[in-house]
């Protein structure tokens, strides 16, 4: 698994308050605040709306190297508020990381492989699309890749099957990541968790990916 991409962004400081923020939005700029252990005090900045749109459209986890007033800080997007009607970004929270401070974030899950159960008519359902983890910034993976190439009809794969190094998975282990449901109208097929032997490839793949990220 690859490390998160680092996107450099040079921004300007901004005034706080509702009126200055409204003016910024009219100029296609999004008010944002940088906070966290990577900065001495909160920094109010303005981000180009087009850049925010690009950031939120990316599935993989990314770092932002924010440059403002001659200073640099490595951030992650913690939260984005959107307009309820236009869906335009209204405000962004940027968390400034520190190399020696662990943080809690969510990382997306990407399924890999062609499960025989789907080929045979089963229906793939993925109720969980990201994992909440806690780790140092250097150990954050861009994504978790889960191999589902051996899943049969009726199989489920749960969070506890994912093994990882240098990070703690906070999402409860009993949560289901993916299940291959029987075809519509089919009867007599029980739903069961993927066997350890069948799941080795997917679990070890996730573990190796996390280790590769940590060592990169």
Protein backbone atom coordinates (compact mmCIF):
# COMPACT_ATOMS: atom_id res chain seq x y z
CA UNK A 1 0.00 0.00 0.00
CA UNK A 2 1.32 3.39 -0.91
CA UNK A 3 1.84 6.36 1.35
CA UNK A 4 -0.64 9.22 1.16
CA UNK A 5 0.08 11.72 -1.58
CA UNK A 6 1.37 15.13 -0.44
CA UNK A 7 -0.35 18.08 -2.14
CA UNK A 8 1.36 21.46 -1.82
CA UNK A 9 -0.91 24.46 -1.48
CA UNK A 10 0.06 28.10 -0.99
CA UNK A 11 -2.71 30.08 0.69
CA UNK A 12 -3.36 33.48 2.25
CA UNK A 13 -4.27 34.31 5.82
CA UNK A 14 -7.78 35.71 6.32
CA UNK A 15 -9.83 37.73 8.75
CA UNK A 16 -12.18 35.87 11.05
CA UNK A 17 -15.89 36.68 11.26
CA UNK A 18 -19.04 36.09 9.24
CA UNK A 19 -18.81 39.16 6.97
CA UNK A 20 -15.23 38.52 5.80
CA UNK A 21 -16.12 34.85 5.30
CA UNK A 22 -19.13 35.73 3.14
CA UNK A 23 -16.96 38.02 1.03
CA UNK A 24 -14.44 35.22 0.52
CA UNK A 25 -17.14 32.81 -0.64
CA UNK A 26 -18.33 35.37 -3.19
CA UNK A 27 -14.76 35.38 -4.51
CA UNK A 28 -14.75 31.56 -4.85
CA UNK A 29 -12.60 31.15 -1.74
CA UNK A 30 -13.40 28.85 1.18
CA UNK A 31 -12.69 29.92 4.79
CA UNK A 32 -10.57 27.39 6.65
CA UNK A 33 -8.84 27.04 9.99
CA UNK A 34 -5.58 25.22 10.70
CA UNK A 35 -5.27 23.78 14.20
CA UNK A 36 -3.55 20.95 16.03
CA UNK A 37 -0.13 20.05 17.47
CA UNK A 38 1.67 21.11 14.29
CA UNK A 39 0.97 24.82 14.88
CA UNK A 40 1.46 27.03 17.93
CA UNK A 41 -1.93 28.68 17.50
CA UNK A 42 -4.90 28.43 15.16
CA UNK A 43 -4.39 29.98 11.72
CA UNK A 44 -7.31 31.29 9.66
CA UNK A 45 -6.73 30.87 5.93
CA UNK A 46 -8.65 30.99 2.64
CA UNK A 47 -8.53 28.07 0.20
CA UNK A 48 -9.46 28.30 -3.50
CA UNK A 49 -12.82 26.59 -3.92
CA UNK A 50 -11.59 24.69 -6.96
CA UNK A 51 -8.80 23.14 -4.86
CA UNK A 52 -11.24 22.14 -2.12
CA UNK A 53 -13.46 20.46 -4.71
CA UNK A 54 -10.47 18.45 -5.92
CA UNK A 55 -9.49 17.45 -2.37
CA UNK A 56 -12.91 16.15 -1.38
CA UNK A 57 -13.30 14.22 -4.65
CA UNK A 58 -10.20 12.11 -3.93
CA UNK A 59 -11.00 8.81 -2.23
CA UNK A 60 -7.50 8.06 -0.94
CA UNK A 61 -6.14 9.81 2.13
CA UNK A 62 -3.92 12.79 1.30
CA UNK A 63 -1.61 15.14 3.17
CA UNK A 64 -1.70 18.86 2.46
CA UNK A 65 1.52 20.84 2.76
CA UNK A 66 0.06 24.26 3.51
CA UNK A 67 2.27 27.30 2.96
CA UNK A 68 1.09 30.54 4.57
CA UNK A 69 3.03 33.68 5.52
CA UNK A 70 6.37 31.98 4.94
CA UNK A 71 5.52 29.01 7.14
CA UNK A 72 4.74 25.40 6.25
CA UNK A 73 2.58 22.85 8.04
CA UNK A 74 1.58 19.33 7.07
CA UNK A 75 -2.17 18.89 7.41
CA UNK A 76 -5.03 16.52 6.77
CA UNK A 77 -8.62 17.51 6.07
CA UNK A 78 -10.53 16.89 9.28
CA UNK A 79 -13.94 18.19 8.22
CA UNK A 80 -15.69 20.05 5.41
CA UNK A 81 -19.03 21.85 5.82
CA UNK A 82 -21.20 22.05 2.70
CA UNK A 83 -24.15 24.25 1.78
CA UNK A 84 -27.34 22.18 2.20
CA UNK A 85 -28.76 23.30 -1.17
CA UNK A 86 -25.87 24.14 -3.51
CA UNK A 87 -23.43 21.62 -1.98
CA UNK A 88 -20.65 24.20 -2.23
CA UNK A 89 -17.96 23.94 0.47
CA UNK A 90 -18.52 26.53 3.20
CA UNK A 91 -15.71 25.83 5.66
CA UNK A 92 -12.76 23.48 6.05
CA UNK A 93 -11.04 22.23 9.21
CA UNK A 94 -7.37 21.39 8.64
CA UNK A 95 -5.54 19.37 11.29
CA UNK A 96 -1.83 20.21 11.47
CA UNK A 97 0.06 17.03 12.32
CA UNK A 98 3.16 16.60 14.47
CA UNK A 99 5.62 13.72 13.79
CA UNK A 100 5.54 12.52 17.40
CA UNK A 101 1.80 12.89 18.05
CA UNK A 102 -0.61 10.05 17.21
CA UNK A 103 -3.89 11.05 15.61
CA UNK A 104 -7.25 9.43 14.97
CA UNK A 105 -8.49 9.49 11.37
CA UNK A 106 -10.54 7.46 8.90
CA UNK A 107 -8.89 5.67 5.98
CA UNK A 108 -10.84 4.33 2.98
CA UNK A 109 -11.19 0.64 2.15
CA UNK A 110 -10.67 -0.56 -1.42
CA UNK A 111 -11.85 -4.03 -2.44
CA UNK A 112 -9.62 -6.02 -4.78
CA UNK A 113 -10.27 -9.25 -6.65
CA UNK A 114 -13.16 -10.99 -8.40
CA UNK A 115 -15.10 -13.13 -5.91
CA UNK A 116 -16.43 -16.44 -7.28
CA UNK A 117 -19.65 -15.79 -5.38
CA UNK A 118 -20.46 -12.82 -7.60
CA UNK A 119 -19.61 -14.77 -10.76
CA UNK A 120 -22.10 -17.40 -9.63
CA UNK A 121 -24.87 -14.84 -9.24
CA UNK A 122 -24.32 -13.54 -5.72
CA UNK A 123 -24.76 -9.87 -4.86
CA UNK A 124 -21.83 -7.95 -3.37
CA UNK A 125 -22.74 -5.54 -0.59
CA UNK A 126 -20.17 -3.31 1.15
CA UNK A 127 -21.68 -1.68 4.26
CA UNK A 128 -18.33 -0.35 5.52
CA UNK A 129 -16.16 1.81 3.29
CA UNK A 130 -13.54 3.15 5.69
CA UNK A 131 -11.79 2.29 8.95
CA UNK A 132 -11.07 4.54 11.89
CA UNK A 133 -7.47 4.18 13.01
CA UNK A 134 -4.99 5.74 15.44
CA UNK A 135 -1.30 6.06 14.60
CA UNK A 136 1.61 8.42 14.03
CA UNK A 137 1.41 10.51 10.84
CA UNK A 138 4.23 8.55 9.18
CA UNK A 139 2.24 5.31 9.51
CA UNK A 140 -0.99 6.54 7.92
CA UNK A 141 -1.85 4.42 4.86
CA UNK A 142 -3.48 6.01 1.82
CA UNK A 143 -6.04 3.19 1.86
CA UNK A 144 -6.69 -0.36 3.08
CA UNK A 145 -6.73 -2.88 0.23
CA UNK A 146 -8.87 -5.94 1.04
CA UNK A 147 -8.66 -8.96 -1.26
CA UNK A 148 -12.06 -10.58 -1.78
CA UNK A 149 -10.96 -12.95 -4.54
CA UNK A 150 -11.98 -16.10 -2.61
CA UNK A 151 -15.37 -15.04 -1.27
CA UNK A 152 -18.27 -17.37 -2.01
CA UNK A 153 -22.03 -16.77 -1.82
CA UNK A 154 -22.95 -16.33 1.83
CA UNK A 155 -19.45 -15.26 2.95
CA UNK A 156 -18.86 -12.14 5.01
CA UNK A 157 -15.57 -10.43 5.80
CA UNK A 158 -15.33 -8.49 9.06
CA UNK A 159 -12.97 -5.83 10.37
CA UNK A 160 -11.27 -8.26 12.76
CA UNK A 161 -9.81 -10.11 9.76
CA UNK A 162 -7.62 -7.12 8.89
CA UNK A 163 -4.20 -7.37 10.47
CA UNK A 164 -2.06 -4.26 10.71
CA UNK A 165 1.27 -3.07 12.05
CA UNK A 166 2.23 0.30 13.51
CA UNK A 167 -1.38 1.39 13.85
CA UNK A 168 -4.45 0.65 15.94
CA UNK A 169 -7.78 -0.08 14.26
CA UNK A 170 -10.53 1.56 16.31
CA UNK A 171 -13.48 0.38 14.22
CA UNK A 172 -15.14 -2.53 16.11
CA UNK A 173 -13.91 -5.91 14.90
CA UNK A 174 -17.42 -7.32 14.49
CA UNK A 175 -18.36 -4.73 11.86
CA UNK A 176 -18.91 -6.25 8.41
CA UNK A 177 -16.82 -4.84 5.56
CA UNK A 178 -18.33 -6.86 2.71
CA UNK A 179 -20.80 -9.70 2.23
CA UNK A 180 -21.77 -11.77 -0.82
CA UNK A 181 -25.53 -12.08 -0.57
CA UNK A 182 -27.43 -14.93 -2.26
CA UNK A 183 -29.16 -14.21 -5.58
CA UNK A 184 -32.64 -12.78 -5.30
CA UNK A 185 -35.15 -15.52 -4.63
CA UNK A 186 -32.52 -18.04 -3.50
CA UNK A 187 -33.28 -19.95 -0.30
CA UNK A 188 -31.38 -22.21 2.07
CA UNK A 189 -28.06 -20.31 1.87
CA UNK A 190 -26.68 -19.30 5.27
CA UNK A 191 -24.55 -16.21 5.82
CA UNK A 192 -21.22 -17.14 7.43
CA UNK A 193 -17.93 -15.44 8.16
CA UNK A 194 -15.06 -16.19 5.80
CA UNK A 195 -12.92 -19.08 7.09
CA UNK A 196 -9.42 -18.31 8.35
CA UNK A 197 -7.81 -20.35 5.56
CA UNK A 198 -9.82 -18.60 2.87
CA UNK A 199 -9.16 -15.19 4.37
CA UNK A 200 -5.37 -15.50 4.72
CA UNK A 201 -4.68 -13.83 1.39
CA UNK A 202 -6.86 -10.81 2.12
CA UNK A 203 -5.73 -10.40 5.74
CA UNK A 204 -2.04 -10.84 4.98
CA UNK A 205 -2.36 -8.49 2.02
CA UNK A 206 -3.74 -5.75 4.25
CA UNK A 207 -1.03 -6.40 6.84
CA UNK A 208 1.75 -6.31 4.25
CA UNK A 209 0.31 -3.13 2.77
CA UNK A 210 0.25 -1.41 6.15
CA UNK A 211 3.81 -2.54 6.88
CA UNK A 212 4.98 -1.28 3.49
CA UNK A 213 3.43 2.11 4.21
CA UNK A 214 5.16 2.32 7.58
CA UNK A 215 8.56 1.39 6.15
CA UNK A 216 8.39 3.65 3.08
